[in-house]
Each structure stands twice: as structure tokens, then as C-alpha cells.
Amino acid sequence: MTAISAREFNQNPSAAMRAADTDGPVVITHRGRAAYVLVPYESFAVHGRSLARQLAADDDIDFAPERTAPVEREVEL
């Protein structure tokens, strides 16, 4: 995985696209922190949408958490 700054990306986006094609995802940083990821569309189509599909699925999920009793305590003023 390659990491480049936003400034480097703006100056040479073609180099970032080549790196994504050959080395895999390119992390674009902004002020030293990861901000974006550049991946080829084929990789995104295969892997990136799977989470969205899972979240959009209309599966019935049984979710019934146990109710907890409130904890009483004295308030200090």
C-alpha cells in the first residue's frame, strides 16, 4: 500500500493512479492523517460495495437485549 500527501496527489494524479494499478490502494493523506483511499474501480466493484449490500439487505435479525436495572447512587452537591 502506498501513501502520498494531498499536495503530491494534486501535483501528479497520474502517478497516484499508476501506483493504485500496480501497488494496490493508495492512501492520500491530509495534514499527516489518512483522508482518502484511491483504488481501481475493479477492486472497488468487487470488494467496496459488499458492505453496502450487506447493510441494505432486508434480513430479519432477532435483537432483544436484556434490560438492565438502573443503578441508584447518592448525588454529591
C-alpha atoms as a PDB file:
ATOM      1  CA  MET A   1       0.000   0.000   0.000  1.00  0.00           C
ATOM      2  CA  THR A   2       1.295   3.428  -0.968  1.00  0.00           C
ATOM      3  CA  ALA A   3       0.727   6.683   0.888  1.00  0.00           C
ATOM      4  CA  ILE A   4       1.004  10.153  -0.631  1.00  0.00           C
ATOM      5  CA  SER A   5       0.089  13.621   0.558  1.00  0.00           C
ATOM      6  CA  ALA A   6      -2.849  15.534  -0.877  1.00  0.00           C
ATOM      7  CA  ARG A   7      -0.376  18.034  -2.296  1.00  0.00           C
ATOM      8  CA  GLU A   8       1.528  15.281  -4.136  1.00  0.00           C
ATOM      9  CA  PHE A   9      -1.762  13.888  -5.426  1.00  0.00           C
ATOM     10  CA  ASN A  10      -2.845  17.308  -6.747  1.00  0.00           C
ATOM     11  CA  GLN A  11       0.505  17.833  -8.463  1.00  0.00           C
ATOM     12  CA  ASN A  12       0.590  14.414 -10.154  1.00  0.00           C
ATOM     13  CA  PRO A  13      -2.669  12.437 -10.090  1.00  0.00           C
ATOM     14  CA  SER A  14      -1.434  10.159 -12.892  1.00  0.00           C
ATOM     15  CA  ALA A  15       1.362   8.851 -10.671  1.00  0.00           C
ATOM     16  CA  ALA A  16      -1.179   8.047  -7.962  1.00  0.00           C
ATOM     17  CA  MET A  17      -3.367   6.191 -10.475  1.00  0.00           C
ATOM     18  CA  ARG A  18      -0.365   4.175 -11.714  1.00  0.00           C
ATOM     19  CA  ALA A  19       0.559   3.318  -8.118  1.00  0.00           C
ATOM     20  CA  ALA A  20      -3.024   2.174  -7.433  1.00  0.00           C
ATOM     21  CA  ASP A  21      -2.909  -0.037 -10.527  1.00  0.00           C
ATOM     22  CA  THR A  22       0.434  -1.647  -9.650  1.00  0.00           C
ATOM     23  CA  ASP A  23       0.787  -1.492  -5.851  1.00  0.00           C
ATOM     24  CA  GLY A  24      -2.813  -1.628  -4.664  1.00  0.00           C
ATOM     25  CA  PRO A  25      -4.692   1.009  -2.674  1.00  0.00           C
ATOM     26  CA  VAL A  26      -3.125   4.463  -2.380  1.00  0.00           C
ATOM     27  CA  VAL A  27      -3.776   6.315   0.873  1.00  0.00           C
ATOM     28  CA  ILE A  28      -3.989  10.071   0.382  1.00  0.00           C
ATOM     29  CA  THR A  29      -3.092  11.997   3.499  1.00  0.00           C
ATOM     30  CA  HIS A  30      -4.197  15.478   4.520  1.00  0.00           C
ATOM     31  CA  ARG A  31      -2.123  17.204   7.188  1.00  0.00           C
ATOM     32  CA  GLY A  32      -0.430  13.941   8.017  1.00  0.00           C
ATOM     33  CA  ARG A  33      -3.607  11.927   8.575  1.00  0.00           C
ATOM     34  CA  ALA A  34      -5.166   9.364   6.238  1.00  0.00           C
ATOM     35  CA  ALA A  35      -8.068  11.061   4.461  1.00  0.00           C
ATOM     36  CA  TYR A  36      -8.868   9.169   1.240  1.00  0.00           C
ATOM     37  CA  VAL A  37      -8.113   5.875  -0.484  1.00  0.00           C
ATOM     38  CA  LEU A  38      -7.648   5.559  -4.237  1.00  0.00           C
ATOM     39  CA  VAL A  39      -8.356   2.108  -5.685  1.00  0.00           C
ATOM     40  CA  PRO A  40      -9.000   0.867  -9.218  1.00  0.00           C
ATOM     41  CA  TYR A  41     -12.714   0.582  -9.990  1.00  0.00           C
ATOM     42  CA  GLU A  42     -12.467  -3.183 -10.498  1.00  0.00           C
ATOM     43  CA  SER A  43     -11.272  -3.627  -6.903  1.00  0.00           C
ATOM     44  CA  PHE A  44     -13.985  -1.330  -5.610  1.00  0.00           C
ATOM     45  CA  ALA A  45     -16.684  -3.130  -7.585  1.00  0.00           C
ATOM     46  CA  VAL A  46     -15.642  -6.482  -6.134  1.00  0.00           C
ATOM     47  CA  HIS A  47     -14.863  -5.514  -2.542  1.00  0.00           C
ATOM     48  CA  GLY A  48     -16.100  -1.988  -1.843  1.00  0.00           C
ATOM     49  CA  ARG A  49     -19.790  -2.496  -2.382  1.00  0.00           C
ATOM     50  CA  SER A  50     -20.119  -5.707  -0.415  1.00  0.00           C
ATOM     51  CA  LEU A  51     -20.531  -3.827   2.878  1.00  0.00           C
ATOM     52  CA  ALA A  52     -23.196  -1.564   1.393  1.00  0.00           C
ATOM     53  CA  ARG A  53     -25.048  -4.592   0.065  1.00  0.00           C
ATOM     54  CA  GLN A  54     -24.938  -6.275   3.447  1.00  0.00           C
ATOM     55  CA  LEU A  55     -26.234  -3.172   5.198  1.00  0.00           C
ATOM     56  CA  ALA A  56     -29.035  -2.749   2.666  1.00  0.00           C
ATOM     57  CA  ALA A  57     -30.120  -6.397   2.890  1.00  0.00           C
ATOM     58  CA  ASP A  58     -33.625  -6.856   4.230  1.00  0.00           C
ATOM     59  CA  ASP A  59     -32.781  -9.728   6.572  1.00  0.00           C
ATOM     60  CA  ASP A  60     -34.755 -10.209   9.745  1.00  0.00           C
ATOM     61  CA  ILE A  61     -32.374 -10.094  12.671  1.00  0.00           C
ATOM     62  CA  ASP A  62     -33.587 -11.083  16.123  1.00  0.00           C
ATOM     63  CA  PHE A  63     -32.246  -8.475  18.507  1.00  0.00           C
ATOM     64  CA  ALA A  64     -33.603  -8.421  22.029  1.00  0.00           C
ATOM     65  CA  PRO A  65     -31.016  -7.205  24.520  1.00  0.00           C
ATOM     66  CA  GLU A  66     -31.644  -7.839  28.207  1.00  0.00           C
ATOM     67  CA  ARG A  67     -32.950  -4.866  30.099  1.00  0.00           C
ATOM     68  CA  THR A  68     -30.661  -3.727  32.879  1.00  0.00           C
ATOM     69  CA  ALA A  69     -31.775  -2.364  36.207  1.00  0.00           C
ATOM     70  CA  PRO A  70     -30.895   1.270  36.929  1.00  0.00           C
ATOM     71  CA  VAL A  71     -28.124   1.849  39.421  1.00  0.00           C
ATOM     72  CA  GLU A  72     -29.119   4.170  42.241  1.00  0.00           C
ATOM     73  CA  ARG A  73     -26.484   6.289  43.877  1.00  0.00           C
ATOM     74  CA  GLU A  74     -26.316   9.341  46.068  1.00  0.00           C
ATOM     75  CA  VAL A  75     -25.657  12.678  44.439  1.00  0.00           C
ATOM     76  CA  GLU A  76     -22.978  14.845  45.990  1.00  0.00           C
ATOM     77  CA  LEU A  77     -23.603  18.581  45.826  1.00  0.00           C
END
